[in-house]
Amino acid sequence: MTIEDSTSTRLRLEPPRSPMGPLDGAWWPRSADPVAELPPLIRAVEVSRGRITHLMLQAEGWRSQPRRMTVDGRVIRLGWFTSGPAGLLTTTNSGRDRVDLLVVPPTLSKAAAAAAMAAASDPTNTLRTPEILAAVNTTDPAALDRWESDGGHLRTAAA
């Protein structure tokens, strides 16, 4: 299932993963505001995977870290980790099934986000979230421009 229009959740969620793949898909939020971004994601995942009861996220990059969120009149528990893999979001549904998603940074270009989402939802993928993010960040011209304007510099080939 892929949802990528301008008004809905940008989500790529494949059928339940094979035992080899570490991810079920990817999500590309439009902002770093969990209160605005998480309810549509929860609704979209629930369409194919069942009612979500708990959601775990990497804390880095989010404006706030609420512990609970009300979605459609029910409470979803949120957990935030600081030492886990970058870019990982895990949902647990009422049947105790998990969905592991790559969270694509909202600042990535459309091309880099599409590449990350494709990699994360590929059933033959064996890369974990930090590896996928590292790969797309090194190929994203917008990320390189931001880094260089913040005082970094691009490596040039030795003469």
C-alpha atoms as a PDB file:
ATOM      1  CA  MET A   1       0.000   0.000   0.000  1.00  0.00           C
ATOM      2  CA  THR A   2       1.398   3.379  -0.991  1.00  0.00           C
ATOM      3  CA  ILE A   3      -0.125   6.690   0.019  1.00  0.00           C
ATOM      4  CA  GLU A   4       1.751   9.686  -1.328  1.00  0.00           C
ATOM      5  CA  ASP A   5      -0.585  12.502  -2.332  1.00  0.00           C
ATOM      6  CA  SER A   6      -0.280  16.081  -1.150  1.00  0.00           C
ATOM      7  CA  THR A   7      -2.985  15.887   1.508  1.00  0.00           C
ATOM      8  CA  SER A   8      -2.622  12.414   3.001  1.00  0.00           C
ATOM      9  CA  THR A   9       0.010  10.484   4.885  1.00  0.00           C
ATOM     10  CA  ARG A  10       3.100   9.742   2.818  1.00  0.00           C
ATOM     11  CA  LEU A  11       3.397   6.077   3.670  1.00  0.00           C
ATOM     12  CA  ARG A  12       4.725   3.038   1.884  1.00  0.00           C
ATOM     13  CA  LEU A  13       3.676  -0.121   3.683  1.00  0.00           C
ATOM     14  CA  GLU A  14       4.223  -3.541   2.212  1.00  0.00           C
ATOM     15  CA  PRO A  15       2.576  -6.837   3.169  1.00  0.00           C
ATOM     16  CA  PRO A  16       3.963  -8.336   6.394  1.00  0.00           C
ATOM     17  CA  ARG A  17       7.728  -8.599   6.095  1.00  0.00           C
ATOM     18  CA  SER A  18       9.694 -11.686   5.361  1.00  0.00           C
ATOM     19  CA  PRO A  19      11.802 -13.087   8.179  1.00  0.00           C
ATOM     20  CA  MET A  20      14.888 -11.618   6.478  1.00  0.00           C
ATOM     21  CA  GLY A  21      13.794  -7.977   6.182  1.00  0.00           C
ATOM     22  CA  PRO A  22      14.094  -5.625   9.137  1.00  0.00           C
ATOM     23  CA  LEU A  23      11.392  -3.170   7.955  1.00  0.00           C
ATOM     24  CA  ASP A  24       7.773  -3.140   6.839  1.00  0.00           C
ATOM     25  CA  GLY A  25       7.973   0.136   4.983  1.00  0.00           C
ATOM     26  CA  ALA A  26       8.573   3.842   5.401  1.00  0.00           C
ATOM     27  CA  TRP A  27       6.800   7.031   6.376  1.00  0.00           C
ATOM     28  CA  TRP A  28       7.706  10.575   5.323  1.00  0.00           C
ATOM     29  CA  PRO A  29       6.123  13.126   7.695  1.00  0.00           C
ATOM     30  CA  ARG A  30       5.690  16.709   6.527  1.00  0.00           C
ATOM     31  CA  SER A  31       6.954  18.237   9.790  1.00  0.00           C
ATOM     32  CA  ALA A  32       8.599  17.431  13.121  1.00  0.00           C
ATOM     33  CA  ASP A  33       5.341  17.958  15.037  1.00  0.00           C
ATOM     34  CA  PRO A  34       4.181  14.566  16.379  1.00  0.00           C
ATOM     35  CA  VAL A  35       0.775  15.904  17.402  1.00  0.00           C
ATOM     36  CA  ALA A  36       0.031  16.852  13.783  1.00  0.00           C
ATOM     37  CA  GLU A  37       1.807  13.965  12.048  1.00  0.00           C
ATOM     38  CA  LEU A  38       1.082  10.826  14.081  1.00  0.00           C
ATOM     39  CA  PRO A  39      -2.749  10.626  13.983  1.00  0.00           C
ATOM     40  CA  PRO A  40      -2.946  10.314  10.168  1.00  0.00           C
ATOM     41  CA  LEU A  41      -0.127   7.746  10.226  1.00  0.00           C
ATOM     42  CA  ILE A  42      -1.899   5.695  12.893  1.00  0.00           C
ATOM     43  CA  ARG A  43      -5.128   5.710  10.880  1.00  0.00           C
ATOM     44  CA  ALA A  44      -3.325   4.701   7.677  1.00  0.00           C
ATOM     45  CA  VAL A  45      -1.420   1.805   9.284  1.00  0.00           C
ATOM     46  CA  GLU A  46      -4.564   0.541  10.999  1.00  0.00           C
ATOM     47  CA  VAL A  47      -6.302   0.062   7.645  1.00  0.00           C
ATOM     48  CA  SER A  48      -4.125  -2.951   6.846  1.00  0.00           C
ATOM     49  CA  ARG A  49      -2.529  -3.952  10.150  1.00  0.00           C
ATOM     50  CA  GLY A  50      -5.153  -3.618  12.855  1.00  0.00           C
ATOM     51  CA  ARG A  51      -5.794  -1.258  15.743  1.00  0.00           C
ATOM     52  CA  ILE A  52      -2.599   0.294  17.106  1.00  0.00           C
ATOM     53  CA  THR A  53      -2.211   0.397  20.873  1.00  0.00           C
ATOM     54  CA  HIS A  54       1.400   1.537  21.277  1.00  0.00           C
ATOM     55  CA  LEU A  55       3.908   3.448  19.193  1.00  0.00           C
ATOM     56  CA  MET A  56       7.676   3.767  19.814  1.00  0.00           C
ATOM     57  CA  LEU A  57       9.813   6.431  18.133  1.00  0.00           C
ATOM     58  CA  GLN A  58      13.357   7.717  18.132  1.00  0.00           C
ATOM     59  CA  ALA A  59      13.155  11.030  20.063  1.00  0.00           C
ATOM     60  CA  GLU A  60      15.698  12.912  17.972  1.00  0.00           C
ATOM     61  CA  GLY A  61      14.247  15.337  15.472  1.00  0.00           C
ATOM     62  CA  TRP A  62      10.771  15.729  17.001  1.00  0.00           C
ATOM     63  CA  ARG A  63       9.585  19.024  18.526  1.00  0.00           C
ATOM     64  CA  SER A  64       7.931  17.310  21.482  1.00  0.00           C
ATOM     65  CA  GLN A  65       7.577  13.848  22.977  1.00  0.00           C
ATOM     66  CA  PRO A  66       4.031  13.349  24.250  1.00  0.00           C
ATOM     67  CA  ARG A  67       3.418  10.150  26.223  1.00  0.00           C
ATOM     68  CA  ARG A  68      -0.164   9.654  25.082  1.00  0.00           C
ATOM     69  CA  MET A  69      -2.220  10.742  22.142  1.00  0.00           C
ATOM     70  CA  THR A  70      -5.959  10.553  21.574  1.00  0.00           C
ATOM     71  CA  VAL A  71      -6.848   9.359  18.078  1.00  0.00           C
ATOM     72  CA  ASP A  72     -10.489   8.882  17.123  1.00  0.00           C
ATOM     73  CA  GLY A  73     -11.562   8.879  20.788  1.00  0.00           C
ATOM     74  CA  ARG A  74      -9.060   6.317  22.052  1.00  0.00           C
ATOM     75  CA  VAL A  75      -5.675   6.683  23.712  1.00  0.00           C
ATOM     76  CA  ILE A  76      -2.485   5.525  21.996  1.00  0.00           C
ATOM     77  CA  ARG A  77       0.564   5.152  24.229  1.00  0.00           C
ATOM     78  CA  LEU A  78       3.755   6.698  22.843  1.00  0.00           C
ATOM     79  CA  GLY A  79       7.278   5.756  23.844  1.00  0.00           C
ATOM     80  CA  TRP A  80      10.393   7.714  22.933  1.00  0.00           C
ATOM     81  CA  PHE A  81      13.847   6.195  22.898  1.00  0.00           C
ATOM     82  CA  THR A  82      17.177   7.981  22.712  1.00  0.00           C
ATOM     83  CA  SER A  83      19.576   5.108  22.278  1.00  0.00           C
ATOM     84  CA  GLY A  84      17.852   3.033  19.610  1.00  0.00           C
ATOM     85  CA  PRO A  85      18.332   3.102  15.866  1.00  0.00           C
ATOM     86  CA  ALA A  86      17.904   6.450  14.118  1.00  0.00           C
ATOM     87  CA  GLY A  87      14.753   6.772  12.080  1.00  0.00           C
ATOM     88  CA  LEU A  88      12.895   3.788  13.522  1.00  0.00           C
ATOM     89  CA  LEU A  89       9.195   3.833  14.391  1.00  0.00           C
ATOM     90  CA  THR A  90       7.538   0.691  15.780  1.00  0.00           C
ATOM     91  CA  THR A  91       3.810   0.186  16.207  1.00  0.00           C
ATOM     92  CA  THR A  92       2.196  -2.593  18.190  1.00  0.00           C
ATOM     93  CA  ASN A  93      -1.417  -3.530  17.556  1.00  0.00           C
ATOM     94  CA  SER A  94      -3.979  -5.164  19.790  1.00  0.00           C
ATOM     95  CA  GLY A  95      -2.879  -8.619  18.570  1.00  0.00           C
ATOM     96  CA  ARG A  96       0.721  -7.833  19.612  1.00  0.00           C
ATOM     97  CA  ASP A  97       1.860  -7.700  15.976  1.00  0.00           C
ATOM     98  CA  ARG A  98       4.588  -5.177  15.126  1.00  0.00           C
ATOM     99  CA  VAL A  99       5.088  -2.841  12.217  1.00  0.00           C
ATOM    100  CA  ASP A 100       8.571  -1.354  11.893  1.00  0.00           C
ATOM    101  CA  LEU A 101       8.879   1.732   9.708  1.00  0.00           C
ATOM    102  CA  LEU A 102      11.694   3.961   8.569  1.00  0.00           C
ATOM    103  CA  VAL A 103      10.888   7.593   9.407  1.00  0.00           C
ATOM    104  CA  VAL A 104      12.198   9.666   6.516  1.00  0.00           C
ATOM    105  CA  PRO A 105      13.254  13.130   7.707  1.00  0.00           C
ATOM    106  CA  PRO A 106      10.768  15.773   6.510  1.00  0.00           C
ATOM    107  CA  THR A 107      13.670  17.902   5.255  1.00  0.00           C
ATOM    108  CA  LEU A 108      14.832  15.398   2.634  1.00  0.00           C
ATOM    109  CA  SER A 109      14.222  16.124  -1.022  1.00  0.00           C
ATOM    110  CA  LYS A 110      11.440  14.275  -2.801  1.00  0.00           C
ATOM    111  CA  ALA A 111      13.958  12.157  -4.747  1.00  0.00           C
ATOM    112  CA  ALA A 112      15.942  11.152  -1.650  1.00  0.00           C
ATOM    113  CA  ALA A 113      12.745  10.415   0.301  1.00  0.00           C
ATOM    114  CA  ALA A 114      11.431   8.255  -2.552  1.00  0.00           C
ATOM    115  CA  ALA A 115      14.705   6.305  -2.626  1.00  0.00           C
ATOM    116  CA  ALA A 116      14.621   5.753   1.138  1.00  0.00           C
ATOM    117  CA  MET A 117      10.972   4.669   1.059  1.00  0.00           C
ATOM    118  CA  ALA A 118      11.622   2.250  -1.794  1.00  0.00           C
ATOM    119  CA  ALA A 119      14.588   0.701   0.017  1.00  0.00           C
ATOM    120  CA  ALA A 120      12.732   0.353   3.324  1.00  0.00           C
ATOM    121  CA  SER A 121       9.717  -1.330   1.743  1.00  0.00           C
ATOM    122  CA  ASP A 122      11.668  -3.681  -0.523  1.00  0.00           C
ATOM    123  CA  PRO A 123      11.035  -7.238   0.756  1.00  0.00           C
ATOM    124  CA  THR A 124      14.636  -8.171  -0.104  1.00  0.00           C
ATOM    125  CA  ASN A 125      16.076  -5.245   1.856  1.00  0.00           C
ATOM    126  CA  THR A 126      18.456  -6.191   4.664  1.00  0.00           C
ATOM    127  CA  LEU A 127      19.504  -2.644   5.601  1.00  0.00           C
ATOM    128  CA  ARG A 128      18.362  -1.102   8.862  1.00  0.00           C
ATOM    129  CA  THR A 129      17.139   2.463   9.296  1.00  0.00           C
ATOM    130  CA  PRO A 130      20.502   4.144  10.074  1.00  0.00           C
ATOM    131  CA  GLU A 131      22.088   2.566   6.992  1.00  0.00           C
ATOM    132  CA  ILE A 132      19.265   3.661   4.692  1.00  0.00           C
ATOM    133  CA  LEU A 133      19.316   7.202   6.096  1.00  0.00           C
ATOM    134  CA  ALA A 134      23.092   7.420   5.734  1.00  0.00           C
ATOM    135  CA  ALA A 135      22.876   6.284   2.117  1.00  0.00           C
ATOM    136  CA  VAL A 136      20.228   8.825   1.117  1.00  0.00           C
ATOM    137  CA  ASN A 137      21.779  11.676   3.110  1.00  0.00           C
ATOM    138  CA  THR A 138      25.052  11.307   1.241  1.00  0.00           C
ATOM    139  CA  THR A 139      23.266  11.454  -2.111  1.00  0.00           C
ATOM    140  CA  ASP A 140      20.751  14.201  -1.333  1.00  0.00           C
ATOM    141  CA  PRO A 141      21.951  17.508  -2.875  1.00  0.00           C
ATOM    142  CA  ALA A 142      19.619  19.489  -0.596  1.00  0.00           C
ATOM    143  CA  ALA A 143      21.152  17.823   2.485  1.00  0.00           C
ATOM    144  CA  LEU A 144      24.634  18.578   1.203  1.00  0.00           C
ATOM    145  CA  ASP A 145      23.665  22.218   0.537  1.00  0.00           C
ATOM    146  CA  ARG A 146      22.252  22.562   4.074  1.00  0.00           C
ATOM    147  CA  TRP A 147      25.376  20.981   5.557  1.00  0.00           C
ATOM    148  CA  GLU A 148      27.718  23.223   3.573  1.00  0.00           C
ATOM    149  CA  SER A 149      25.757  26.367   4.475  1.00  0.00           C
ATOM    150  CA  ASP A 150      26.011  25.358   8.152  1.00  0.00           C
ATOM    151  CA  GLY A 151      29.801  25.465   8.013  1.00  0.00           C
ATOM    152  CA  GLY A 152      30.621  22.052   6.604  1.00  0.00           C
ATOM    153  CA  HIS A 153      32.460  21.562   3.381  1.00  0.00           C
ATOM    154  CA  LEU A 154      32.290  19.072   0.576  1.00  0.00           C
ATOM    155  CA  ARG A 155      35.185  16.702   0.210  1.00  0.00           C
ATOM    156  CA  THR A 156      37.059  17.316  -3.020  1.00  0.00           C
ATOM    157  CA  ALA A 157      39.185  14.831  -4.878  1.00  0.00           C
ATOM    158  CA  ALA A 158      42.913  15.118  -4.263  1.00  0.00           C
ATOM    159  CA  ALA A 159      44.763  16.732  -7.154  1.00  0.00           C
END
